[in-house]
Amino acid sequence: MKIDFRVMAIKINSPEQVKLLSAFLDRIRDDPRISPAHVSLYSALISYWHEKKFEHPMSVFSREIMPLCKISGRATYARTIRELHDYGYIHYIASYNHFLGSLVYFWDAGAAHKNNALIK
C-alpha cells in the first residue's frame, strides 16, 4: 500500500485532541526551549492519535509523522521528539526495530501539572 503524503493534513477536531493541544499550548507559553518544530510535531502526534482511534500507547513511525509536521530531516525529528520527552510533554519509548514503531504516551491534560498521569 502506497501512502500519498501530499494529501495528509493535521486534523484537530475531537474534544480529546482539543483538550490535549490546549493544555500543551498553555504549558509552553513560558517555556523558551520550545520551537515551532516542537509545536508542529506535538500537533501532528495528536492528529495521528485520532487516526489511530486513540490507541494508547500509540505506535508511531517517523516516516508517517514527518510529512504531517513538515519536518524533513530525520535528525531534526529524532531530536525534537526526544526533547518533547525530556521536557515532560510526552512519554516516548524509542524503537530501533524498523517493523515495530516507537511508543508515544500523552500525559493526561487534567493531571499534567499535578501528578503527571499518563492517559490510559
PDB file of N, CA and C in Angstrom:
ATOM      1  N   MET A   1       0.841  -1.179   0.000  1.00  0.00           N
ATOM      2  CA  MET A   1       0.000   0.000   0.000  1.00  0.00           C
ATOM      3  C   MET A   1       0.882   1.236   0.000  1.00  0.00           C
ATOM      4  N   LYS A   2       0.671   2.107  -0.959  1.00  0.00           N
ATOM      5  CA  LYS A   2       1.451   3.331  -1.062  1.00  0.00           C
ATOM      6  C   LYS A   2       0.658   4.470  -0.437  1.00  0.00           C
ATOM      7  N   ILE A   3       1.316   5.240   0.411  1.00  0.00           N
ATOM      8  CA  ILE A   3       0.669   6.365   1.078  1.00  0.00           C
ATOM      9  C   ILE A   3       1.019   7.637   0.327  1.00  0.00           C
ATOM     10  N   ASP A   4       0.029   8.429  -0.026  1.00  0.00           N
ATOM     11  CA  ASP A   4       0.264   9.707  -0.673  1.00  0.00           C
ATOM     12  C   ASP A   4       0.370  10.771   0.414  1.00  0.00           C
ATOM     13  N   PHE A   5       1.608  11.131   0.739  1.00  0.00           N
ATOM     14  CA  PHE A   5       1.855  12.067   1.834  1.00  0.00           C
ATOM     15  C   PHE A   5       1.457  13.495   1.483  1.00  0.00           C
ATOM     16  N   ARG A   6       1.243  13.807   0.215  1.00  0.00           N
ATOM     17  CA  ARG A   6       0.886  15.168  -0.167  1.00  0.00           C
ATOM     18  C   ARG A   6      -0.504  15.561   0.322  1.00  0.00           C
ATOM     19  N   VAL A   7      -1.381  14.593   0.534  1.00  0.00           N
ATOM     20  CA  VAL A   7      -2.748  14.915   0.934  1.00  0.00           C
ATOM     21  C   VAL A   7      -2.960  14.810   2.443  1.00  0.00           C
ATOM     22  N   MET A   8      -1.922  14.469   3.178  1.00  0.00           N
ATOM     23  CA  MET A   8      -2.060  14.340   4.623  1.00  0.00           C
ATOM     24  C   MET A   8      -2.095  15.739   5.255  1.00  0.00           C
ATOM     25  N   ALA A   9      -2.955  15.923   6.200  1.00  0.00           N
ATOM     26  CA  ALA A   9      -3.063  17.205   6.890  1.00  0.00           C
ATOM     27  C   ALA A   9      -3.350  16.941   8.361  1.00  0.00           C
ATOM     28  N   ILE A  10      -2.911  17.855   9.191  1.00  0.00           N
ATOM     29  CA  ILE A  10      -3.185  17.747  10.619  1.00  0.00           C
ATOM     30  C   ILE A  10      -4.649  18.102  10.852  1.00  0.00           C
ATOM     31  N   LYS A  11      -5.346  17.224  11.581  1.00  0.00           N
ATOM     32  CA  LYS A  11      -6.750  17.450  11.890  1.00  0.00           C
ATOM     33  C   LYS A  11      -6.938  17.363  13.400  1.00  0.00           C
ATOM     34  N   ILE A  12      -7.380  18.463  13.993  1.00  0.00           N
ATOM     35  CA  ILE A  12      -7.665  18.524  15.422  1.00  0.00           C
ATOM     36  C   ILE A  12      -9.144  18.853  15.534  1.00  0.00           C
ATOM     37  N   ASN A  13      -9.973  17.828  15.812  1.00  0.00           N
ATOM     38  CA  ASN A  13     -11.405  18.105  15.845  1.00  0.00           C
ATOM     39  C   ASN A  13     -12.173  17.355  16.921  1.00  0.00           C
ATOM     40  N   SER A  14     -11.536  16.493  17.671  1.00  0.00           N
ATOM     41  CA  SER A  14     -12.259  15.805  18.742  1.00  0.00           C
ATOM     42  C   SER A  14     -12.002  16.528  20.069  1.00  0.00           C
ATOM     43  N   PRO A  15     -12.898  16.377  21.033  1.00  0.00           N
ATOM     44  CA  PRO A  15     -12.695  17.024  22.328  1.00  0.00           C
ATOM     45  C   PRO A  15     -11.390  16.595  23.015  1.00  0.00           C
ATOM     46  N   GLU A  16     -11.012  15.324  22.852  1.00  0.00           N
ATOM     47  CA  GLU A  16      -9.777  14.851  23.472  1.00  0.00           C
ATOM     48  C   GLU A  16      -8.568  15.560  22.881  1.00  0.00           C
ATOM     49  N   GLN A  17      -8.579  15.726  21.558  1.00  0.00           N
ATOM     50  CA  GLN A  17      -7.475  16.397  20.888  1.00  0.00           C
ATOM     51  C   GLN A  17      -7.396  17.865  21.290  1.00  0.00           C
ATOM     52  N   VAL A  18      -8.537  18.535  21.327  1.00  0.00           N
ATOM     53  CA  VAL A  18      -8.569  19.946  21.687  1.00  0.00           C
ATOM     54  C   VAL A  18      -8.059  20.132  23.110  1.00  0.00           C
ATOM     55  N   LYS A  19      -8.470  19.256  24.015  1.00  0.00           N
ATOM     56  CA  LYS A  19      -8.049  19.338  25.419  1.00  0.00           C
ATOM     57  C   LYS A  19      -6.533  19.188  25.544  1.00  0.00           C
ATOM     58  N   LEU A  20      -5.966  18.195  24.850  1.00  0.00           N
ATOM     59  CA  LEU A  20      -4.521  17.980  24.894  1.00  0.00           C
ATOM     60  C   LEU A  20      -3.758  19.150  24.285  1.00  0.00           C
ATOM     61  N   LEU A  21      -4.198  19.614  23.130  1.00  0.00           N
ATOM     62  CA  LEU A  21      -3.492  20.703  22.469  1.00  0.00           C
ATOM     63  C   LEU A  21      -3.590  21.987  23.290  1.00  0.00           C
ATOM     64  N   SER A  22      -4.743  22.264  23.862  1.00  0.00           N
ATOM     65  CA  SER A  22      -4.910  23.458  24.699  1.00  0.00           C
ATOM     66  C   SER A  22      -4.004  23.411  25.920  1.00  0.00           C
ATOM     67  N   ALA A  23      -3.944  22.255  26.566  1.00  0.00           N
ATOM     68  CA  ALA A  23      -3.075  22.104  27.734  1.00  0.00           C
ATOM     69  C   ALA A  23      -1.609  22.267  27.340  1.00  0.00           C
ATOM     70  N   PHE A  24      -1.228  21.704  26.195  1.00  0.00           N
ATOM     71  CA  PHE A  24       0.144  21.831  25.709  1.00  0.00           C
ATOM     72  C   PHE A  24       0.481  23.296  25.443  1.00  0.00           C
ATOM     73  N   LEU A  25      -0.401  23.999  24.751  1.00  0.00           N
ATOM     74  CA  LEU A  25      -0.148  25.404  24.433  1.00  0.00           C
ATOM     75  C   LEU A  25      -0.069  26.261  25.693  1.00  0.00           C
ATOM     76  N   ASP A  26      -0.878  25.949  26.704  1.00  0.00           N
ATOM     77  CA  ASP A  26      -0.796  26.659  27.979  1.00  0.00           C
ATOM     78  C   ASP A  26       0.553  26.423  28.653  1.00  0.00           C
ATOM     79  N   ARG A  27       1.008  25.179  28.616  1.00  0.00           N
ATOM     80  CA  ARG A  27       2.272  24.829  29.275  1.00  0.00           C
ATOM     81  C   ARG A  27       3.491  25.422  28.575  1.00  0.00           C
ATOM     82  N   ILE A  28       3.450  25.532  27.256  1.00  0.00           N
ATOM     83  CA  ILE A  28       4.643  26.011  26.541  1.00  0.00           C
ATOM     84  C   ILE A  28       4.744  27.529  26.495  1.00  0.00           C
ATOM     85  N   ARG A  29       3.709  28.200  26.899  1.00  0.00           N
ATOM     86  CA  ARG A  29       3.682  29.658  26.802  1.00  0.00           C
ATOM     87  C   ARG A  29       4.946  30.296  27.384  1.00  0.00           C
ATOM     88  N   ASP A  30       5.412  29.819  28.514  1.00  0.00           N
ATOM     89  CA  ASP A  30       6.581  30.406  29.171  1.00  0.00           C
ATOM     90  C   ASP A  30       7.802  29.499  29.117  1.00  0.00           C
ATOM     91  N   ASP A  31       7.837  28.579  28.162  1.00  0.00           N
ATOM     92  CA  ASP A  31       8.968  27.656  28.035  1.00  0.00           C
ATOM     93  C   ASP A  31       9.827  28.087  26.841  1.00  0.00           C
ATOM     94  N   PRO A  32      10.979  28.713  27.096  1.00  0.00           N
ATOM     95  CA  PRO A  32      11.813  29.216  25.996  1.00  0.00           C
ATOM     96  C   PRO A  32      12.474  28.112  25.170  1.00  0.00           C
ATOM     97  N   ARG A  33      12.446  26.877  25.637  1.00  0.00           N
ATOM     98  CA  ARG A  33      13.078  25.767  24.910  1.00  0.00           C
ATOM     99  C   ARG A  33      12.249  25.301  23.723  1.00  0.00           C
ATOM    100  N   ILE A  34      10.969  25.629  23.711  1.00  0.00           N
ATOM    101  CA  ILE A  34      10.054  25.121  22.690  1.00  0.00           C
ATOM    102  C   ILE A  34      10.145  25.964  21.419  1.00  0.00           C
ATOM    103  N   SER A  35      10.305  25.266  20.296  1.00  0.00           N
ATOM    104  CA  SER A  35      10.398  25.909  18.986  1.00  0.00           C
ATOM    105  C   SER A  35       9.165  25.559  18.153  1.00  0.00           C
ATOM    106  N   PRO A  36       9.014  26.180  16.993  1.00  0.00           N
ATOM    107  CA  PRO A  36       7.900  25.803  16.109  1.00  0.00           C
ATOM    108  C   PRO A  36       7.924  24.321  15.729  1.00  0.00           C
ATOM    109  N   ALA A  37       9.100  23.723  15.646  1.00  0.00           N
ATOM    110  CA  ALA A  37       9.181  22.292  15.317  1.00  0.00           C
ATOM    111  C   ALA A  37       8.520  21.450  16.403  1.00  0.00           C
ATOM    112  N   HIS A  38       8.687  21.837  17.670  1.00  0.00           N
ATOM    113  CA  HIS A  38       8.058  21.107  18.772  1.00  0.00           C
ATOM    114  C   HIS A  38       6.535  21.203  18.680  1.00  0.00           C
ATOM    115  N   VAL A  39       6.038  22.405  18.414  1.00  0.00           N
ATOM    116  CA  VAL A  39       4.587  22.618  18.314  1.00  0.00           C
ATOM    117  C   VAL A  39       4.025  21.824  17.144  1.00  0.00           C
ATOM    118  N   SER A  40       4.705  21.871  16.027  1.00  0.00           N
ATOM    119  CA  SER A  40       4.262  21.152  14.849  1.00  0.00           C
ATOM    120  C   SER A  40       4.255  19.641  15.077  1.00  0.00           C
ATOM    121  N   LEU A  41       5.305  19.121  15.688  1.00  0.00           N
ATOM    122  CA  LEU A  41       5.385  17.682  15.950  1.00  0.00           C
ATOM    123  C   LEU A  41       4.314  17.249  16.941  1.00  0.00           C
ATOM    124  N   TYR A  42       4.124  18.006  18.016  1.00  0.00           N
ATOM    125  CA  TYR A  42       3.104  17.656  19.002  1.00  0.00           C
ATOM    126  C   TYR A  42       1.719  17.660  18.355  1.00  0.00           C
ATOM    127  N   SER A  43       1.435  18.669  17.528  1.00  0.00           N
ATOM    128  CA  SER A  43       0.144  18.745  16.832  1.00  0.00           C
ATOM    129  C   SER A  43      -0.035  17.551  15.894  1.00  0.00           C
ATOM    130  N   ALA A  44       1.032  17.189  15.202  1.00  0.00           N
ATOM    131  CA  ALA A  44       0.964  16.045  14.290  1.00  0.00           C
ATOM    132  C   ALA A  44       0.719  14.752  15.059  1.00  0.00           C
ATOM    133  N   LEU A  45       1.343  14.604  16.221  1.00  0.00           N
ATOM    134  CA  LEU A  45       1.129  13.408  17.042  1.00  0.00           C
ATOM    135  C   LEU A  45      -0.320  13.313  17.505  1.00  0.00           C
ATOM    136  N   ILE A  46      -0.905  14.440  17.879  1.00  0.00           N
ATOM    137  CA  ILE A  46      -2.306  14.446  18.301  1.00  0.00           C
ATOM    138  C   ILE A  46      -3.214  14.058  17.136  1.00  0.00           C
ATOM    139  N   SER A  47      -2.945  14.599  15.974  1.00  0.00           N
ATOM    140  CA  SER A  47      -3.737  14.265  14.789  1.00  0.00           C
ATOM    141  C   SER A  47      -3.604  12.783  14.443  1.00  0.00           C
ATOM    142  N   TYR A  48      -2.392  12.276  14.510  1.00  0.00           N
ATOM    143  CA  TYR A  48      -2.135  10.862  14.217  1.00  0.00           C
ATOM    144  C   TYR A  48      -2.825   9.972  15.241  1.00  0.00           C
ATOM    145  N   TRP A  49      -2.880  10.416  16.487  1.00  0.00           N
ATOM    146  CA  TRP A  49      -3.546   9.677  17.565  1.00  0.00           C
ATOM    147  C   TRP A  49      -5.021   9.491  17.222  1.00  0.00           C
ATOM    148  N   HIS A  50      -5.635  10.529  16.664  1.00  0.00           N
ATOM    149  CA  HIS A  50      -7.032  10.448  16.244  1.00  0.00           C
ATOM    150  C   HIS A  50      -7.187   9.434  15.117  1.00  0.00           C
ATOM    151  N   GLU A  51      -6.269   9.453  14.140  1.00  0.00           N
ATOM    152  CA  GLU A  51      -6.306   8.487  13.039  1.00  0.00           C
ATOM    153  C   GLU A  51      -6.181   7.055  13.550  1.00  0.00           C
ATOM    154  N   LYS A  52      -5.428   6.877  14.628  1.00  0.00           N
ATOM    155  CA  LYS A  52      -5.211   5.553  15.212  1.00  0.00           C
ATOM    156  C   LYS A  52      -6.304   5.189  16.213  1.00  0.00           C
ATOM    157  N   LYS A  53      -7.407   5.913  16.188  1.00  0.00           N
ATOM    158  CA  LYS A  53      -8.569   5.638  17.055  1.00  0.00           C
ATOM    159  C   LYS A  53      -8.221   5.726  18.545  1.00  0.00           C
ATOM    160  N   PHE A  54      -7.361   6.678  18.880  1.00  0.00           N
ATOM    161  CA  PHE A  54      -6.978   6.985  20.261  1.00  0.00           C
ATOM    162  C   PHE A  54      -6.329   5.807  20.978  1.00  0.00           C
ATOM    163  N   GLU A  55      -5.608   4.965  20.247  1.00  0.00           N
ATOM    164  CA  GLU A  55      -4.902   3.853  20.891  1.00  0.00           C
ATOM    165  C   GLU A  55      -3.820   4.428  21.813  1.00  0.00           C
ATOM    166  N   HIS A  56      -3.642   3.786  22.922  1.00  0.00           N
ATOM    167  CA  HIS A  56      -2.695   4.269  23.915  1.00  0.00           C
ATOM    168  C   HIS A  56      -2.010   3.104  24.578  1.00  0.00           C
ATOM    169  N   PRO A  57      -0.706   2.957  24.496  1.00  0.00           N
ATOM    170  CA  PRO A  57       0.215   3.869  23.829  1.00  0.00           C
ATOM    171  C   PRO A  57       0.060   3.788  22.319  1.00  0.00           C
ATOM    172  N   MET A  58       0.505   4.838  21.674  1.00  0.00           N
ATOM    173  CA  MET A  58       0.404   4.916  20.223  1.00  0.00           C
ATOM    174  C   MET A  58       1.736   4.507  19.611  1.00  0.00           C
ATOM    175  N   SER A  59       1.673   3.636  18.636  1.00  0.00           N
ATOM    176  CA  SER A  59       2.854   3.205  17.908  1.00  0.00           C
ATOM    177  C   SER A  59       3.057   4.145  16.727  1.00  0.00           C
ATOM    178  N   VAL A  60       4.233   4.777  16.641  1.00  0.00           N
ATOM    179  CA  VAL A  60       4.488   5.747  15.575  1.00  0.00           C
ATOM    180  C   VAL A  60       5.758   5.392  14.806  1.00  0.00           C
ATOM    181  N   PHE A  61       5.735   5.730  13.541  1.00  0.00           N
ATOM    182  CA  PHE A  61       6.894   5.592  12.672  1.00  0.00           C
ATOM    183  C   PHE A  61       7.244   6.986  12.167  1.00  0.00           C
ATOM    184  N   SER A  62       8.507   7.331  12.191  1.00  0.00           N
ATOM    185  CA  SER A  62       8.925   8.660  11.750  1.00  0.00           C
ATOM    186  C   SER A  62       8.483   8.928  10.319  1.00  0.00           C
ATOM    187  N   ARG A  63       8.508   7.917   9.467  1.00  0.00           N
ATOM    188  CA  ARG A  63       8.137   8.109   8.053  1.00  0.00           C
ATOM    189  C   ARG A  63       6.670   8.508   7.891  1.00  0.00           C
ATOM    190  N   GLU A  64       5.841   8.233   8.888  1.00  0.00           N
ATOM    191  CA  GLU A  64       4.434   8.617   8.829  1.00  0.00           C
ATOM    192  C   GLU A  64       4.180   9.975   9.485  1.00  0.00           C
ATOM    193  N   ILE A  65       4.955  10.305  10.505  1.00  0.00           N
ATOM    194  CA  ILE A  65       4.747  11.553  11.252  1.00  0.00           C
ATOM    195  C   ILE A  65       5.441  12.738  10.594  1.00  0.00           C
ATOM    196  N   MET A  66       6.623  12.514  10.045  1.00  0.00           N
ATOM    197  CA  MET A  66       7.414  13.618   9.489  1.00  0.00           C
ATOM    198  C   MET A  66       6.668  14.431   8.420  1.00  0.00           C
ATOM    199  N   PRO A  67       5.952  13.817   7.480  1.00  0.00           N
ATOM    200  CA  PRO A  67       5.217  14.639   6.499  1.00  0.00           C
ATOM    201  C   PRO A  67       4.099  15.470   7.135  1.00  0.00           C
ATOM    202  N   LEU A  68       3.498  14.965   8.205  1.00  0.00           N
ATOM    203  CA  LEU A  68       2.430  15.700   8.876  1.00  0.00           C
ATOM    204  C   LEU A  68       2.941  16.980   9.522  1.00  0.00           C
ATOM    205  N   CYS A  69       4.118  16.898  10.128  1.00  0.00           N
ATOM    206  CA  CYS A  69       4.635  18.051  10.860  1.00  0.00           C
ATOM    207  C   CYS A  69       5.615  18.885  10.043  1.00  0.00           C
ATOM    208  N   LYS A  70       5.815  18.480   8.789  1.00  0.00           N
ATOM    209  CA  LYS A  70       6.676  19.220   7.865  1.00  0.00           C
ATOM    210  C   LYS A  70       8.128  19.276   8.338  1.00  0.00           C
ATOM    211  N   ILE A  71       8.566  18.216   9.005  1.00  0.00           N
ATOM    212  CA  ILE A  71       9.979  18.066   9.362  1.00  0.00           C
ATOM    213  C   ILE A  71      10.571  17.107   8.340  1.00  0.00           C
ATOM    214  N   SER A  72      11.573  17.566   7.615  1.00  0.00           N
ATOM    215  CA  SER A  72      12.121  16.729   6.554  1.00  0.00           C
ATOM    216  C   SER A  72      13.397  15.996   6.964  1.00  0.00           C
ATOM    217  N   GLY A  73      14.063  16.460   8.007  1.00  0.00           N
ATOM    218  CA  GLY A  73      15.305  15.824   8.426  1.00  0.00           C
ATOM    219  C   GLY A  73      15.085  14.807   9.533  1.00  0.00           C
ATOM    220  N   ARG A  74      15.633  13.617   9.354  1.00  0.00           N
ATOM    221  CA  ARG A  74      15.470  12.572  10.370  1.00  0.00           C
ATOM    222  C   ARG A  74      16.126  12.979  11.699  1.00  0.00           C
ATOM    223  N   ALA A  75      17.252  13.643  11.629  1.00  0.00           N
ATOM    224  CA  ALA A  75      17.926  14.077  12.856  1.00  0.00           C
ATOM    225  C   ALA A  75      17.094  15.125  13.596  1.00  0.00           C
ATOM    226  N   THR A  76      16.474  16.022  12.851  1.00  0.00           N
ATOM    227  CA  THR A  76      15.611  17.043  13.463  1.00  0.00           C
ATOM    228  C   THR A  76      14.405  16.385  14.124  1.00  0.00           C
ATOM    229  N   TYR A  77      13.803  15.426  13.429  1.00  0.00           N
ATOM    230  CA  TYR A  77      12.662  14.696  14.007  1.00  0.00           C
ATOM    231  C   TYR A  77      13.079  13.980  15.289  1.00  0.00           C
ATOM    232  N   ALA A  78      14.185  13.244  15.227  1.00  0.00           N
ATOM    233  CA  ALA A  78      14.640  12.477  16.390  1.00  0.00           C
ATOM    234  C   ALA A  78      14.950  13.403  17.564  1.00  0.00           C
ATOM    235  N   ARG A  79      15.615  14.517  17.288  1.00  0.00           N
ATOM    236  CA  ARG A  79      15.943  15.469  18.360  1.00  0.00           C
ATOM    237  C   ARG A  79      14.682  16.075  18.953  1.00  0.00           C
ATOM    238  N   THR A  80      13.743  16.455  18.087  1.00  0.00           N
ATOM    239  CA  THR A  80      12.531  17.143  18.549  1.00  0.00           C
ATOM    240  C   THR A  80      11.645  16.219  19.376  1.00  0.00           C
ATOM    241  N   ILE A  81      11.449  14.984  18.942  1.00  0.00           N
ATOM    242  CA  ILE A  81      10.602  14.074  19.722  1.00  0.00           C
ATOM    243  C   ILE A  81      11.282  13.702  21.036  1.00  0.00           C
ATOM    244  N   ARG A  82      12.590  13.559  21.010  1.00  0.00           N
ATOM    245  CA  ARG A  82      13.330  13.267  22.247  1.00  0.00           C
ATOM    246  C   ARG A  82      13.229  14.445  23.222  1.00  0.00           C
ATOM    247  N   GLU A  83      13.317  15.674  22.696  1.00  0.00           N
ATOM    248  CA  GLU A  83      13.201  16.845  23.560  1.00  0.00           C
ATOM    249  C   GLU A  83      11.796  16.967  24.152  1.00  0.00           C
ATOM    250  N   LEU A  84      10.760  16.665  23.368  1.00  0.00           N
ATOM    251  CA  LEU A  84       9.400  16.678  23.926  1.00  0.00           C
ATOM    252  C   LEU A  84       9.311  15.715  25.107  1.00  0.00           C
ATOM    253  N   HIS A  85       9.972  14.577  24.989  1.00  0.00           N
ATOM    254  CA  HIS A  85      10.017  13.608  26.091  1.00  0.00           C
ATOM    255  C   HIS A  85      10.826  14.167  27.261  1.00  0.00           C
ATOM    256  N   ASP A  86      12.027  14.663  26.977  1.00  0.00           N
ATOM    257  CA  ASP A  86      12.905  15.181  28.037  1.00  0.00           C
ATOM    258  C   ASP A  86      12.277  16.354  28.787  1.00  0.00           C
ATOM    259  N   TYR A  87      11.519  17.180  28.080  1.00  0.00           N
ATOM    260  CA  TYR A  87      10.882  18.345  28.693  1.00  0.00           C
ATOM    261  C   TYR A  87       9.582  17.989  29.406  1.00  0.00           C
ATOM    262  N   GLY A  88       9.134  16.739  29.284  1.00  0.00           N
ATOM    263  CA  GLY A  88       7.956  16.281  30.016  1.00  0.00           C
ATOM    264  C   GLY A  88       6.629  16.483  29.315  1.00  0.00           C
ATOM    265  N   TYR A  89       6.639  16.701  28.013  1.00  0.00           N
ATOM    266  CA  TYR A  89       5.381  16.913  27.299  1.00  0.00           C
ATOM    267  C   TYR A  89       4.764  15.618  26.786  1.00  0.00           C
ATOM    268  N   ILE A  90       5.577  14.614  26.536  1.00  0.00           N
ATOM    269  CA  ILE A  90       5.112  13.284  26.146  1.00  0.00           C
ATOM    270  C   ILE A  90       6.009  12.263  26.837  1.00  0.00           C
ATOM    271  N   HIS A  91       5.586  11.017  26.804  1.00  0.00           N
ATOM    272  CA  HIS A  91       6.464   9.913  27.230  1.00  0.00           C
ATOM    273  C   HIS A  91       6.762   9.133  25.960  1.00  0.00           C
ATOM    274  N   TYR A  92       8.038   9.030  25.624  1.00  0.00           N
ATOM    275  CA  TYR A  92       8.464   8.450  24.348  1.00  0.00           C
ATOM    276  C   TYR A  92       9.411   7.295  24.605  1.00  0.00           C
ATOM    277  N   ILE A  93       9.118   6.161  24.008  1.00  0.00           N
ATOM    278  CA  ILE A  93       9.986   4.985  24.094  1.00  0.00           C
ATOM    279  C   ILE A  93      10.398   4.647  22.665  1.00  0.00           C
ATOM    280  N   ALA A  94      11.665   4.922  22.366  1.00  0.00           N
ATOM    281  CA  ALA A  94      12.179   4.697  21.016  1.00  0.00           C
ATOM    282  C   ALA A  94      12.277   3.206  20.718  1.00  0.00           C
ATOM    283  N   SER A  95      11.976   2.866  19.478  1.00  0.00           N
ATOM    284  CA  SER A  95      12.147   1.505  18.990  1.00  0.00           C
ATOM    285  C   SER A  95      13.171   1.567  17.870  1.00  0.00           C
ATOM    286  N   TYR A  96      14.149   0.725  17.961  1.00  0.00           N
ATOM    287  CA  TYR A  96      15.170   0.709  16.913  1.00  0.00           C
ATOM    288  C   TYR A  96      14.916  -0.434  15.947  1.00  0.00           C
ATOM    289  N   ASN A  97      13.703  -0.951  15.966  1.00  0.00           N
ATOM    290  CA  ASN A  97      13.277  -2.017  15.072  1.00  0.00           C
ATOM    291  C   ASN A  97      12.401  -1.388  13.991  1.00  0.00           C
ATOM    292  N   HIS A  98      12.751  -1.587  12.738  1.00  0.00           N
ATOM    293  CA  HIS A  98      12.014  -0.965  11.631  1.00  0.00           C
ATOM    294  C   HIS A  98      10.603  -1.516  11.460  1.00  0.00           C
ATOM    295  N   PHE A  99      10.302  -2.621  12.112  1.00  0.00           N
ATOM    296  CA  PHE A  99       8.987  -3.231  11.981  1.00  0.00           C
ATOM    297  C   PHE A  99       8.068  -2.880  13.156  1.00  0.00           C
ATOM    298  N   LEU A 100       8.654  -2.429  14.245  1.00  0.00           N
ATOM    299  CA  LEU A 100       7.881  -2.022  15.420  1.00  0.00           C
ATOM    300  C   LEU A 100       8.051  -0.514  15.594  1.00  0.00           C
ATOM    301  N   GLY A 101       6.962   0.186  15.677  1.00  0.00           N
ATOM    302  CA  GLY A 101       7.059   1.627  15.850  1.00  0.00           C
ATOM    303  C   GLY A 101       7.465   1.999  17.267  1.00  0.00           C
ATOM    304  N   SER A 102       7.940   3.211  17.410  1.00  0.00           N
ATOM    305  CA  SER A 102       8.226   3.749  18.732  1.00  0.00           C
ATOM    306  C   SER A 102       6.904   4.021  19.434  1.00  0.00           C
ATOM    307  N   LEU A 103       6.922   4.022  20.751  1.00  0.00           N
ATOM    308  CA  LEU A 103       5.690   4.233  21.516  1.00  0.00           C
ATOM    309  C   LEU A 103       5.627   5.661  22.043  1.00  0.00           C
ATOM    310  N   VAL A 104       4.459   6.265  21.913  1.00  0.00           N
ATOM    311  CA  VAL A 104       4.223   7.606  22.433  1.00  0.00           C
ATOM    312  C   VAL A 104       3.014   7.550  23.355  1.00  0.00           C
ATOM    313  N   TYR A 105       3.208   8.082  24.547  1.00  0.00           N
ATOM    314  CA  TYR A 105       2.130   8.236  25.523  1.00  0.00           C
ATOM    315  C   TYR A 105       1.898   9.731  25.708  1.00  0.00           C
ATOM    316  N   PHE A 106       0.649  10.124  25.845  1.00  0.00           N
ATOM    317  CA  PHE A 106       0.330  11.504  26.187  1.00  0.00           C
ATOM    318  C   PHE A 106       0.052  11.581  27.679  1.00  0.00           C
ATOM    319  N   TRP A 107       0.453  12.688  28.285  1.00  0.00           N
ATOM    320  CA  TRP A 107       0.120  12.935  29.682  1.00  0.00           C
ATOM    321  C   TRP A 107      -1.325  13.391  29.752  1.00  0.00           C
ATOM    322  N   ASP A 108      -2.030  12.996  30.779  1.00  0.00           N
ATOM    323  CA  ASP A 108      -3.408  13.429  30.982  1.00  0.00           C
ATOM    324  C   ASP A 108      -3.405  14.944  31.167  1.00  0.00           C
ATOM    325  N   ALA A 109      -4.091  15.654  30.283  1.00  0.00           N
ATOM    326  CA  ALA A 109      -4.078  17.115  30.309  1.00  0.00           C
ATOM    327  C   ALA A 109      -4.595  17.670  31.628  1.00  0.00           C
ATOM    328  N   GLY A 110      -5.573  17.004  32.238  1.00  0.00           N
ATOM    329  CA  GLY A 110      -6.120  17.478  33.507  1.00  0.00           C
ATOM    330  C   GLY A 110      -5.190  17.238  34.677  1.00  0.00           C
ATOM    331  N   ALA A 111      -4.352  16.221  34.586  1.00  0.00           N
ATOM    332  CA  ALA A 111      -3.465  15.872  35.695  1.00  0.00           C
ATOM    333  C   ALA A 111      -2.011  16.224  35.408  1.00  0.00           C
ATOM    334  N   ALA A 112      -1.754  16.842  34.267  1.00  0.00           N
ATOM    335  CA  ALA A 112      -0.375  17.080  33.847  1.00  0.00           C
ATOM    336  C   ALA A 112       0.428  17.887  34.866  1.00  0.00           C
ATOM    337  N   HIS A 113      -0.180  18.848  35.494  1.00  0.00           N
ATOM    338  CA  HIS A 113       0.564  19.670  36.435  1.00  0.00           C
ATOM    339  C   HIS A 113       0.545  19.103  37.849  1.00  0.00           C
ATOM    340  N   LYS A 114      -0.338  18.166  38.101  1.00  0.00           N
ATOM    341  CA  LYS A 114      -0.488  17.652  39.454  1.00  0.00           C
ATOM    342  C   LYS A 114       0.396  16.437  39.719  1.00  0.00           C
ATOM    343  N   ASN A 115       0.204  15.370  38.917  1.00  0.00           N
ATOM    344  CA  ASN A 115       0.956  14.152  39.209  1.00  0.00           C
ATOM    345  C   ASN A 115       1.454  13.424  37.963  1.00  0.00           C
ATOM    346  N   ASN A 116       1.458  14.125  36.819  1.00  0.00           N
ATOM    347  CA  ASN A 116       1.958  13.537  35.575  1.00  0.00           C
ATOM    348  C   ASN A 116       1.367  12.172  35.273  1.00  0.00           C
ATOM    349  N   ALA A 117       0.060  12.067  35.304  1.00  0.00           N
ATOM    350  CA  ALA A 117      -0.619  10.804  34.999  1.00  0.00           C
ATOM    351  C   ALA A 117      -0.688  10.603  33.497  1.00  0.00           C
ATOM    352  N   LEU A 118      -0.369   9.395  33.062  1.00  0.00           N
ATOM    353  CA  LEU A 118      -0.482   9.049  31.648  1.00  0.00           C
ATOM    354  C   LEU A 118      -1.949   8.774  31.319  1.00  0.00           C
ATOM    355  N   ILE A 119      -2.332   9.070  30.088  1.00  0.00           N
ATOM    356  CA  ILE A 119      -3.676   8.710  29.641  1.00  0.00           C
ATOM    357  C   ILE A 119      -3.744   7.224  29.509  1.00  0.00           C
ATOM    358  N   LYS A 120      -4.823   6.639  29.994  1.00  0.00           N
ATOM    359  CA  LYS A 120      -4.962   5.176  29.943  1.00  0.00           C
ATOM    360  C   LYS A 120      -5.853   4.780  28.819  1.00  0.00           C
TER     361      LYS A 120
END
